[in-house]
Amino acid sequence: MSHALPVLDSRPLQDRIRPKLTGAHLILGGVDVRREGRVEPYLLTPPELSSVAVRWSGVALENYSTPACVIPRHEHVENFVHVVLCGSGKYEVVTGGRTLRFGAHPGTTFIVPQGTIDEVRWEAPIHHIAVAVHPSLLINALEQTAHESNIELIEHWDLTDRHVMAVLLAMTADLEEGSPAGKLYGESLANALAVYLLRRYSARRLEPPVYRGGLQGYRLKHVLEHIEEHLVSDLSLVELAAVAGMSAHHFAEMFRRSTGRSPHQYVLLRRIERAKQCLRDSRRSVIEAGLDAGFNNPSHFSRMFRKFVGISPSRFRSEMQAY
């Protein structure tokens, strides 16, 4: 392999946000690695798309296009998932005293445990997704892992896993659409990814239990009341699961069985219903109606309203005023 490839080095970014704990939420500042004792971004190249602004709990996603290059030796400070979206060519991984050579294609996937040290050399340009998964996301995904001190993933450098790719593409699509449900949908996808990693790629593979029935009446009542009281807030899956007193996976499954909707779909529908009530008040503008219902972006509000109601907020108001 040619050694004339450019080195895609990283430098510490002054505005880089380090992981922060906010209550039960751990917010990552991006996909970071450790080089020469410094924690810094995985790549110097600015990502085309990043989840940092959405503040998903326990996970960070970045989308890159990079030339043929060398990503210098680094240690992963979180568990690492990587998928090639576009581009084909050879790549070389130097890790654990070994030099591994593979051919990349769309769908090529890495699963790399926290603490792994490696260097990657790409012979061709690629478009790829890099994801940092904090151990807490794996630990808290299922009831049976809630008391674990750590979850060890098995290292893979040349996988093709359509399920992993599908989840990461859905997370990417949510970011591209501006995350209209806030962090709730992205966190639901991240939790689904965590459960899948536990099933397929952990040293001790775990099968999530099959849940029957739905939430107990008092748990469902508490969750629905919490949603109504905090509808304008950026509700998270971790937050709602904590109200129900169960793991995120358990809660999401039971909530869907109880309501017929996933948590993020239910919250979006409740916001649409509140927006309808606000739009009936002629003293409020369309933008104010969206804000009062929990939509912080007018274009997201208009798009979601049209998706669920079939007409624009302005037309809905006009039709209501006509009666």
Protein backbone atom coordinates (compact mmCIF):
# COMPACT_ATOMS: atom_id res chain seq x y z
CA MET A 1 0.00 0.00 0.00
CA SER A 2 1.29 3.48 -0.83
CA HIS A 3 2.63 5.47 2.11
CA ALA A 4 2.16 8.80 0.33
CA LEU A 5 -1.43 9.16 1.49
CA PRO A 6 -2.23 12.42 3.30
CA VAL A 7 -2.50 12.15 7.06
CA LEU A 8 -5.93 13.18 8.28
CA ASP A 9 -4.74 14.48 11.63
CA SER A 10 -6.83 16.08 14.36
CA ARG A 11 -6.21 19.06 16.57
CA PRO A 12 -8.03 19.93 19.77
CA LEU A 13 -10.99 22.18 18.99
CA GLN A 14 -11.46 24.92 21.58
CA ASP A 15 -15.24 24.71 21.37
CA ARG A 16 -15.34 20.92 21.58
CA ILE A 17 -17.92 19.86 24.17
CA ARG A 18 -16.74 17.03 26.42
CA PRO A 19 -19.24 14.47 27.69
CA LYS A 20 -21.58 16.04 30.23
CA LEU A 21 -23.93 14.40 32.67
CA THR A 22 -27.26 16.17 33.04
CA GLY A 23 -29.34 14.23 35.52
CA ALA A 24 -29.60 10.76 33.99
CA HIS A 25 -28.49 12.05 30.59
CA LEU A 26 -24.95 11.71 29.25
CA ILE A 27 -24.37 14.03 26.32
CA LEU A 28 -21.39 13.36 24.06
CA GLY A 29 -19.64 16.25 22.37
CA GLY A 30 -18.95 14.34 19.19
CA VAL A 31 -17.04 11.30 17.98
CA ASP A 32 -13.79 11.65 19.92
CA VAL A 33 -10.56 9.68 20.24
CA ARG A 34 -7.41 9.98 22.34
CA ARG A 35 -4.08 10.84 20.67
CA GLU A 36 -0.88 11.40 22.63
CA GLY A 37 -2.87 11.89 25.83
CA ARG A 38 -5.30 14.41 24.31
CA VAL A 39 -8.97 13.82 23.64
CA GLU A 40 -9.82 15.28 20.26
CA PRO A 41 -12.12 14.76 17.24
CA TYR A 42 -11.81 11.54 15.27
CA LEU A 43 -11.22 13.59 12.11
CA LEU A 44 -10.07 17.14 11.54
CA THR A 45 -12.35 17.32 8.49
CA PRO A 46 -15.58 19.04 9.60
CA PRO A 47 -18.51 16.61 9.46
CA GLU A 48 -21.16 17.22 6.83
CA LEU A 49 -23.76 16.32 9.45
CA SER A 50 -23.56 15.99 13.24
CA SER A 51 -25.90 15.07 16.09
CA VAL A 52 -24.11 17.32 18.60
CA ALA A 53 -26.67 20.15 18.43
CA VAL A 54 -29.58 17.74 19.01
CA ARG A 55 -27.89 16.42 22.19
CA TRP A 56 -28.86 12.76 21.97
CA SER A 57 -28.18 10.89 25.20
CA GLY A 58 -25.30 8.42 25.12
CA VAL A 59 -24.53 8.57 21.40
CA ALA A 60 -23.00 10.92 18.83
CA LEU A 61 -23.18 10.56 15.04
CA GLU A 62 -21.08 12.31 12.42
CA ASN A 63 -21.26 12.02 8.64
CA TYR A 64 -18.07 12.61 6.58
CA SER A 65 -16.68 12.62 3.07
CA THR A 66 -12.91 12.11 3.08
CA PRO A 67 -10.20 11.57 0.44
CA ALA A 68 -7.75 8.68 0.37
CA CYS A 69 -5.84 9.27 3.59
CA VAL A 70 -4.27 7.98 6.78
CA ILE A 71 -6.21 8.39 10.02
CA PRO A 72 -3.32 8.34 12.49
CA ARG A 73 -3.00 6.11 15.53
CA HIS A 74 -5.70 6.76 18.12
CA GLU A 75 -7.55 5.18 21.02
CA HIS A 76 -11.35 5.05 20.98
CA VAL A 77 -12.73 6.68 24.14
CA GLU A 78 -16.21 5.27 23.44
CA ASN A 79 -17.46 2.22 21.62
CA PHE A 80 -17.25 2.95 17.89
CA VAL A 81 -19.51 2.02 14.98
CA HIS A 82 -18.55 2.96 11.42
CA VAL A 83 -20.34 2.37 8.12
CA VAL A 84 -19.20 3.17 4.58
CA LEU A 85 -22.04 4.79 2.63
CA CYS A 86 -20.34 5.39 -0.73
CA GLY A 87 -16.97 4.53 -2.20
CA SER A 88 -15.01 1.37 -2.86
CA GLY A 89 -11.35 0.54 -2.48
CA LYS A 90 -8.80 -1.09 -0.25
CA TYR A 91 -8.14 -0.12 3.36
CA GLU A 92 -5.63 -1.18 5.98
CA VAL A 93 -6.07 -1.35 9.75
CA VAL A 94 -3.09 -1.47 12.11
CA THR A 95 -4.23 -2.64 15.54
CA GLY A 96 -3.04 -4.94 18.33
CA GLY A 97 0.27 -5.61 16.59
CA ARG A 98 -1.54 -6.79 13.44
CA THR A 99 -1.91 -5.26 9.99
CA LEU A 100 -5.28 -6.16 8.47
CA ARG A 101 -6.11 -5.52 4.81
CA PHE A 102 -9.62 -5.48 3.39
CA GLY A 103 -11.68 -4.23 0.47
CA ALA A 104 -14.30 -1.60 1.29
CA HIS A 105 -17.70 -1.23 -0.38
CA PRO A 106 -20.96 0.52 0.54
CA GLY A 107 -22.13 -1.18 3.72
CA THR A 108 -18.68 -2.12 5.09
CA THR A 109 -19.02 -1.83 8.86
CA PHE A 110 -16.66 -1.58 11.85
CA ILE A 111 -17.68 -2.51 15.39
CA VAL A 112 -14.86 -1.35 17.68
CA PRO A 113 -14.83 -1.67 21.51
CA GLN A 114 -13.97 1.24 23.78
CA GLY A 115 -10.21 1.35 24.41
CA THR A 116 -9.19 -0.12 21.04
CA ILE A 117 -6.04 1.48 19.57
CA ASP A 118 -5.71 1.55 15.78
CA GLU A 119 -4.62 3.40 12.66
CA VAL A 120 -6.66 3.26 9.45
CA ARG A 121 -5.33 3.86 5.93
CA TRP A 122 -7.84 4.41 3.12
CA GLU A 123 -6.68 4.03 -0.50
CA ALA A 124 -9.80 5.64 -1.98
CA PRO A 125 -12.18 8.46 -1.07
CA ILE A 126 -15.21 7.41 0.96
CA HIS A 127 -18.43 8.82 2.38
CA HIS A 128 -18.96 7.36 5.83
CA ILE A 129 -20.85 7.55 9.12
CA ALA A 130 -18.94 7.45 12.41
CA VAL A 131 -20.80 6.83 15.68
CA ALA A 132 -19.62 6.97 19.30
CA VAL A 133 -21.65 4.81 21.68
CA HIS A 134 -21.12 5.49 25.39
CA PRO A 135 -21.06 2.36 27.60
CA SER A 136 -24.02 3.72 29.57
CA LEU A 137 -26.24 3.40 26.50
CA LEU A 138 -25.49 -0.33 26.33
CA ILE A 139 -25.72 -0.83 30.09
CA ASN A 140 -29.10 0.88 30.39
CA ALA A 141 -30.66 -0.54 27.23
CA LEU A 142 -32.12 -3.65 28.87
CA GLU A 143 -33.26 -4.59 32.37
CA GLN A 144 -30.84 -7.52 32.49
CA THR A 145 -27.84 -5.24 31.83
CA ALA A 146 -28.88 -2.43 34.19
CA HIS A 147 -26.53 -3.61 36.97
CA GLU A 148 -23.54 -4.38 34.74
CA SER A 149 -20.38 -2.33 35.26
CA ASN A 150 -19.50 -2.55 31.57
CA ILE A 151 -20.51 -4.28 28.35
CA GLU A 152 -17.72 -5.59 26.14
CA LEU A 153 -18.26 -5.56 22.38
CA ILE A 154 -16.41 -7.93 20.04
CA GLU A 155 -14.05 -6.22 17.58
CA HIS A 156 -14.98 -6.45 13.88
CA TRP A 157 -13.24 -4.64 11.00
CA ASP A 158 -14.94 -6.06 7.89
CA LEU A 159 -18.64 -6.64 8.45
CA THR A 160 -21.66 -6.14 6.25
CA ASP A 161 -24.69 -5.67 8.48
CA ARG A 162 -27.80 -4.28 6.84
CA HIS A 163 -29.55 -3.74 10.17
CA VAL A 164 -26.79 -1.51 11.54
CA MET A 165 -26.70 0.44 8.29
CA ALA A 166 -30.49 0.87 8.26
CA VAL A 167 -30.54 2.27 11.81
CA LEU A 168 -27.67 4.68 11.09
CA LEU A 169 -29.35 5.85 7.87
CA ALA A 170 -32.58 6.49 9.81
CA MET A 171 -30.64 8.51 12.41
CA THR A 172 -29.00 10.45 9.59
CA ALA A 173 -32.36 11.12 7.92
CA ASP A 174 -33.75 12.46 11.21
CA LEU A 175 -30.84 14.92 11.44
CA GLU A 176 -31.26 15.95 7.78
CA GLU A 177 -34.94 16.68 8.44
CA GLY A 178 -34.05 18.86 11.43
CA SER A 179 -35.17 16.32 14.09
CA PRO A 180 -38.82 17.49 14.14
CA ALA A 181 -39.57 15.31 17.20
CA GLY A 182 -36.56 16.72 19.02
CA LYS A 183 -34.18 14.21 20.53
CA LEU A 184 -36.89 11.59 21.13
CA TYR A 185 -36.78 9.82 17.75
CA GLY A 186 -32.99 9.81 17.48
CA GLU A 187 -32.69 8.39 20.99
CA SER A 188 -35.23 5.70 20.15
CA LEU A 189 -33.11 4.69 17.16
CA ALA A 190 -29.94 4.81 19.28
CA ASN A 191 -31.56 2.53 21.82
CA ALA A 192 -32.57 0.12 19.05
CA LEU A 193 -28.94 0.13 17.89
CA ALA A 194 -27.75 -0.58 21.45
CA VAL A 195 -30.14 -3.53 21.83
CA TYR A 196 -28.99 -4.94 18.48
CA LEU A 197 -25.31 -4.61 19.45
CA LEU A 198 -26.06 -6.46 22.69
CA ARG A 199 -27.72 -9.26 20.73
CA ARG A 200 -25.14 -9.64 17.97
CA TYR A 201 -21.79 -8.19 18.97
CA SER A 202 -21.33 -8.30 22.74
CA ALA A 203 -18.96 -10.80 24.36
CA ARG A 204 -21.95 -12.12 26.31
CA ARG A 205 -24.81 -11.99 23.84
CA LEU A 206 -28.12 -11.00 25.31
CA GLU A 207 -31.61 -11.54 23.95
CA PRO A 208 -34.16 -8.87 24.89
CA PRO A 209 -37.24 -10.36 26.52
CA VAL A 210 -40.48 -10.61 24.55
CA TYR A 211 -42.95 -8.22 26.18
CA ARG A 212 -46.65 -8.91 26.23
CA GLY A 213 -49.49 -6.65 27.25
CA GLY A 214 -48.80 -2.98 27.86
CA LEU A 215 -47.90 -0.52 30.57
CA GLN A 216 -49.71 -0.85 33.85
CA GLY A 217 -52.46 1.75 34.17
CA TYR A 218 -50.73 3.92 36.74
CA ARG A 219 -47.44 3.90 34.80
CA LEU A 220 -49.17 4.89 31.57
CA LYS A 221 -51.10 7.63 33.39
CA HIS A 222 -47.89 9.09 34.85
CA VAL A 223 -46.14 9.05 31.46
CA LEU A 224 -49.05 10.64 29.58
CA GLU A 225 -49.41 13.34 32.25
CA HIS A 226 -45.68 14.01 32.06
CA ILE A 227 -45.87 14.37 28.27
CA GLU A 228 -48.77 16.83 28.50
CA GLU A 229 -47.05 18.91 31.19
CA HIS A 230 -43.76 19.03 29.26
CA LEU A 231 -44.98 19.00 25.67
CA VAL A 232 -43.07 22.16 24.78
CA SER A 233 -39.86 20.69 26.22
CA ASP A 234 -37.36 18.58 24.28
CA LEU A 235 -38.57 15.28 25.73
CA SER A 236 -36.11 12.38 25.68
CA LEU A 237 -36.58 8.62 25.70
CA VAL A 238 -34.42 8.34 28.83
CA GLU A 239 -36.66 10.85 30.59
CA LEU A 240 -39.92 9.08 29.70
CA ALA A 241 -38.48 5.66 30.58
CA ALA A 242 -37.42 7.03 33.96
CA VAL A 243 -40.97 8.28 34.62
CA ALA A 244 -42.22 4.75 33.87
CA GLY A 245 -39.45 3.22 35.98
CA MET A 246 -38.03 0.84 33.36
CA SER A 247 -35.33 0.51 30.71
CA ALA A 248 -35.65 2.48 27.48
CA HIS A 249 -36.23 -0.66 25.39
CA HIS A 250 -38.83 -2.07 27.79
CA PHE A 251 -40.62 1.29 27.98
CA ALA A 252 -40.68 1.86 24.21
CA GLU A 253 -42.11 -1.60 23.56
CA MET A 254 -44.74 -1.39 26.30
CA PHE A 255 -45.72 2.18 25.38
CA ARG A 256 -46.30 1.14 21.77
CA ARG A 257 -48.44 -1.78 22.90
CA SER A 258 -50.50 0.51 25.17
CA THR A 259 -51.06 3.40 22.76
CA GLY A 260 -50.53 1.90 19.31
CA ARG A 261 -47.82 4.53 18.74
CA SER A 262 -44.12 4.78 19.37
CA PRO A 263 -43.20 7.47 21.95
CA HIS A 264 -41.97 9.93 19.31
CA GLN A 265 -45.08 9.44 17.13
CA TYR A 266 -47.35 9.96 20.13
CA VAL A 267 -45.55 13.17 21.16
CA LEU A 268 -45.71 14.53 17.61
CA LEU A 269 -49.45 13.84 17.43
CA ARG A 270 -50.06 15.52 20.79
CA ARG A 271 -48.13 18.56 19.57
CA ILE A 272 -50.22 18.66 16.41
CA GLU A 273 -53.43 18.52 18.47
CA ARG A 274 -52.23 21.34 20.70
CA ALA A 275 -51.27 23.35 17.61
CA LYS A 276 -54.80 22.91 16.27
CA GLN A 277 -56.22 24.37 19.48
CA CYS A 278 -53.79 27.29 19.30
CA LEU A 279 -54.63 27.96 15.64
CA ARG A 280 -58.30 28.35 16.57
CA ASP A 281 -57.29 31.40 18.62
CA SER A 282 -57.11 34.28 16.14
CA ARG A 283 -54.95 36.27 18.56
CA ARG A 284 -52.02 33.92 18.00
CA SER A 285 -49.96 33.87 14.85
CA VAL A 286 -49.16 30.61 13.07
CA ILE A 287 -45.57 30.80 14.33
CA GLU A 288 -46.79 31.33 17.91
CA ALA A 289 -49.13 28.35 17.58
CA GLY A 290 -46.19 26.17 16.55
CA LEU A 291 -44.03 27.42 19.42
CA ASP A 292 -46.81 26.93 21.96
CA ALA A 293 -47.17 23.33 20.76
CA GLY A 294 -43.47 22.56 21.12
CA PHE A 295 -42.19 23.15 17.57
CA ASN A 296 -39.17 25.45 17.74
CA ASN A 297 -38.69 25.62 13.98
CA PRO A 298 -41.52 27.06 11.82
CA SER A 299 -40.58 24.99 8.77
CA HIS A 300 -40.57 21.78 10.83
CA PHE A 301 -43.95 22.74 12.25
CA SER A 302 -45.42 23.40 8.82
CA ARG A 303 -44.02 20.16 7.39
CA MET A 304 -45.21 17.98 10.27
CA PHE A 305 -48.65 19.66 10.35
CA ARG A 306 -49.13 19.05 6.64
CA LYS A 307 -47.94 15.44 7.04
CA PHE A 308 -50.41 14.61 9.83
CA VAL A 309 -53.35 16.90 8.99
CA GLY A 310 -53.07 17.04 5.20
CA ILE A 311 -53.14 20.84 4.89
CA SER A 312 -50.92 23.72 5.98
CA PRO A 313 -51.40 25.44 9.36
CA SER A 314 -52.50 28.62 7.59
CA ARG A 315 -55.15 26.81 5.56
CA PHE A 316 -56.35 24.98 8.68
CA ARG A 317 -56.81 28.33 10.42
CA SER A 318 -58.68 29.77 7.46
CA GLU A 319 -61.04 26.81 7.29
CA MET A 320 -61.71 26.96 11.03
CA GLN A 321 -62.50 30.69 10.81
CA ALA A 322 -64.90 30.04 7.94
CA TYR A 323 -67.28 28.11 10.24
